[in-house]
Amino acid sequence: MSLNYTKKTLDHFRNPKNIGELKKADATAIIGNMICGDQLSFSIKVKDNIIEDIKFLSFGCASNIATASVMTEIVKGMTLDKAKKFDWNKIVFKLGGLPKQKIHCSVLAVEGLKKVIAEYEAKHKDVKKTEDRKNKNTKLK
């Protein structure tokens, strides 16, 4: 079966951006798809509620690698709140489309992003509560 990939998808597959693992990451998460066997691992660094850096490792197909690559490029520098609302359609659009049978790769990438953010927030609950209190007090003044 031959799949028609865009030049942009092939470029992100052959030359993935943000591939690897972050040393001293603020959070990590692994996600996989039991049906196709693809797996992604994400690590993030967060500063002032902004994704300062994000990296991924992939065990999967060309679409798996390309979707994670382009997504990490888009979300780097994004606030956590905005990243939590990230839509997989943005990945497909940025790549110029994906074959129908490979759309699930963009969904998996976004699920991995949301999972690593949830891991970060779970690890830094106390910090977030303190920040929320400070913000509330600032608004009251």
Protein backbone atom coordinates (compact mmCIF):
# COMPACT_ATOMS: atom_id res chain seq x y z
CA MET A 1 0.00 0.00 0.00
CA SER A 2 1.43 3.34 -1.06
CA LEU A 3 0.67 6.46 0.97
CA ASN A 4 0.83 9.96 -0.46
CA TYR A 5 2.72 12.13 2.01
CA THR A 6 3.27 15.84 1.49
CA LYS A 7 6.81 17.19 1.11
CA LYS A 8 6.44 18.87 4.51
CA THR A 9 5.48 15.56 6.17
CA LEU A 10 8.43 13.79 4.56
CA ASP A 11 10.76 16.60 5.66
CA HIS A 12 9.60 16.32 9.30
CA PHE A 13 10.00 12.54 9.08
CA ARG A 14 13.50 12.68 7.59
CA ASN A 15 14.65 15.69 9.65
CA PRO A 16 12.54 15.69 12.81
CA LYS A 17 12.68 18.76 15.03
CA ASN A 18 12.97 18.52 18.82
CA ILE A 19 13.80 14.83 18.81
CA GLY A 20 15.50 13.47 21.93
CA GLU A 21 15.07 13.72 25.67
CA LEU A 22 15.46 16.75 27.91
CA LYS A 23 17.96 16.42 30.72
CA LYS A 24 16.34 17.44 34.00
CA ALA A 25 12.90 17.67 32.42
CA ASP A 26 10.12 19.12 34.54
CA ALA A 27 7.86 16.27 33.39
CA THR A 28 7.82 13.25 31.10
CA ALA A 29 5.05 11.10 29.68
CA ILE A 30 4.72 8.09 27.40
CA ILE A 31 1.68 7.38 25.27
CA GLY A 32 0.92 4.65 22.77
CA ASN A 33 -1.66 3.34 20.38
CA MET A 34 -2.44 -0.33 21.01
CA ILE A 35 -3.91 -0.82 17.53
CA CYS A 36 -1.05 0.42 15.34
CA GLY A 37 1.75 0.01 17.88
CA ASP A 38 3.02 3.60 17.68
CA GLN A 39 4.51 5.08 20.82
CA LEU A 40 5.65 8.58 21.79
CA SER A 41 7.59 9.83 24.77
CA PHE A 42 7.55 13.54 25.63
CA SER A 43 9.65 15.61 28.02
CA ILE A 44 9.07 19.28 28.82
CA LYS A 45 10.71 22.21 30.55
CA VAL A 46 8.32 24.86 31.83
CA LYS A 47 9.11 28.37 33.03
CA ASP A 48 6.49 30.88 34.18
CA ASN A 49 3.69 28.62 32.89
CA ILE A 50 5.20 28.61 29.38
CA ILE A 51 6.59 25.58 27.55
CA GLU A 52 10.23 26.60 27.37
CA ASP A 53 11.34 23.38 25.67
CA ILE A 54 9.78 20.12 24.54
CA LYS A 55 11.35 17.01 23.05
CA PHE A 56 10.03 13.65 21.92
CA LEU A 57 11.12 10.13 21.14
CA SER A 58 9.15 7.97 18.74
CA PHE A 59 8.68 4.31 18.12
CA GLY A 60 6.45 4.50 15.10
CA CYS A 61 5.81 5.27 11.48
CA ALA A 62 6.70 8.32 9.38
CA SER A 63 3.43 10.05 10.32
CA ASN A 64 4.06 9.43 14.01
CA ILE A 65 7.44 11.14 13.80
CA ALA A 66 6.28 13.98 11.54
CA THR A 67 3.23 14.87 13.63
CA ALA A 68 5.20 14.95 16.88
CA SER A 69 7.93 17.00 15.21
CA VAL A 70 5.62 19.68 13.87
CA MET A 71 3.55 19.80 17.07
CA THR A 72 6.62 20.40 19.24
CA GLU A 73 7.61 23.27 16.96
CA ILE A 74 4.18 24.88 17.33
CA VAL A 75 3.78 24.51 21.12
CA LYS A 76 7.26 25.62 22.13
CA GLY A 77 6.76 29.04 23.73
CA MET A 78 3.03 28.46 24.27
CA THR A 79 1.34 28.80 27.67
CA LEU A 80 0.26 25.56 29.33
CA ASP A 81 -3.38 26.66 29.24
CA LYS A 82 -3.25 27.28 25.49
CA ALA A 83 -1.32 24.04 24.88
CA LYS A 84 -3.96 22.06 26.80
CA LYS A 85 -6.52 23.25 24.22
CA PHE A 86 -4.29 22.39 21.25
CA ASP A 87 -6.24 20.79 18.40
CA TRP A 88 -4.81 17.95 16.29
CA ASN A 89 -6.26 19.58 13.16
CA LYS A 90 -3.53 22.25 13.43
CA ILE A 91 -0.91 19.54 12.93
CA VAL A 92 -2.67 18.14 9.86
CA PHE A 93 -3.04 21.65 8.41
CA LYS A 94 0.61 22.56 9.10
CA LEU A 95 1.75 19.36 7.35
CA GLY A 96 -0.47 20.08 4.35
CA GLY A 97 -2.63 17.05 5.09
CA LEU A 98 -2.17 13.42 6.05
CA PRO A 99 -3.54 10.22 4.54
CA LYS A 100 -6.87 9.36 6.23
CA GLN A 101 -5.45 6.20 7.77
CA LYS A 102 -2.69 8.29 9.43
CA ILE A 103 -4.80 11.03 11.04
CA HIS A 104 -4.69 9.08 14.31
CA CYS A 105 -0.98 9.97 14.58
CA SER A 106 -1.82 13.65 15.01
CA VAL A 107 -4.38 12.73 17.67
CA LEU A 108 -1.77 10.61 19.49
CA ALA A 109 0.73 13.49 19.47
CA VAL A 110 -1.83 15.84 21.07
CA GLU A 111 -2.83 13.20 23.62
CA GLY A 112 0.86 12.91 24.53
CA LEU A 113 1.16 16.69 24.89
CA LYS A 114 -1.85 16.80 27.19
CA LYS A 115 -0.50 13.88 29.21
CA VAL A 116 2.93 15.47 29.75
CA ILE A 117 1.24 18.74 30.79
CA ALA A 118 -0.96 16.82 33.25
CA GLU A 119 2.17 15.12 34.65
CA TYR A 120 3.82 18.52 35.04
CA GLU A 121 0.78 19.98 36.80
CA ALA A 122 0.49 16.97 39.10
CA LYS A 123 4.17 17.29 40.07
CA HIS A 124 3.89 21.04 40.60
CA LYS A 125 0.46 21.27 42.24
CA ASP A 126 1.73 23.19 45.24
CA VAL A 127 3.54 25.72 43.05
CA LYS A 128 0.38 26.31 41.00
CA LYS A 129 -1.75 26.80 44.12
CA THR A 130 0.72 29.38 45.44
CA GLU A 131 0.71 31.19 42.06
CA ASP A 132 -3.10 31.15 41.97
CA ARG A 133 -3.25 32.66 45.46
CA LYS A 134 -0.76 35.37 44.48
CA ASN A 135 -2.78 36.19 41.36
CA LYS A 136 -6.01 36.37 43.36
CA ASN A 137 -4.42 38.70 45.93
CA THR A 138 -2.98 40.90 43.19
CA LYS A 139 -6.42 41.24 41.55
CA LEU A 140 -8.00 42.21 44.90
CA LYS A 141 -5.59 45.11 45.44
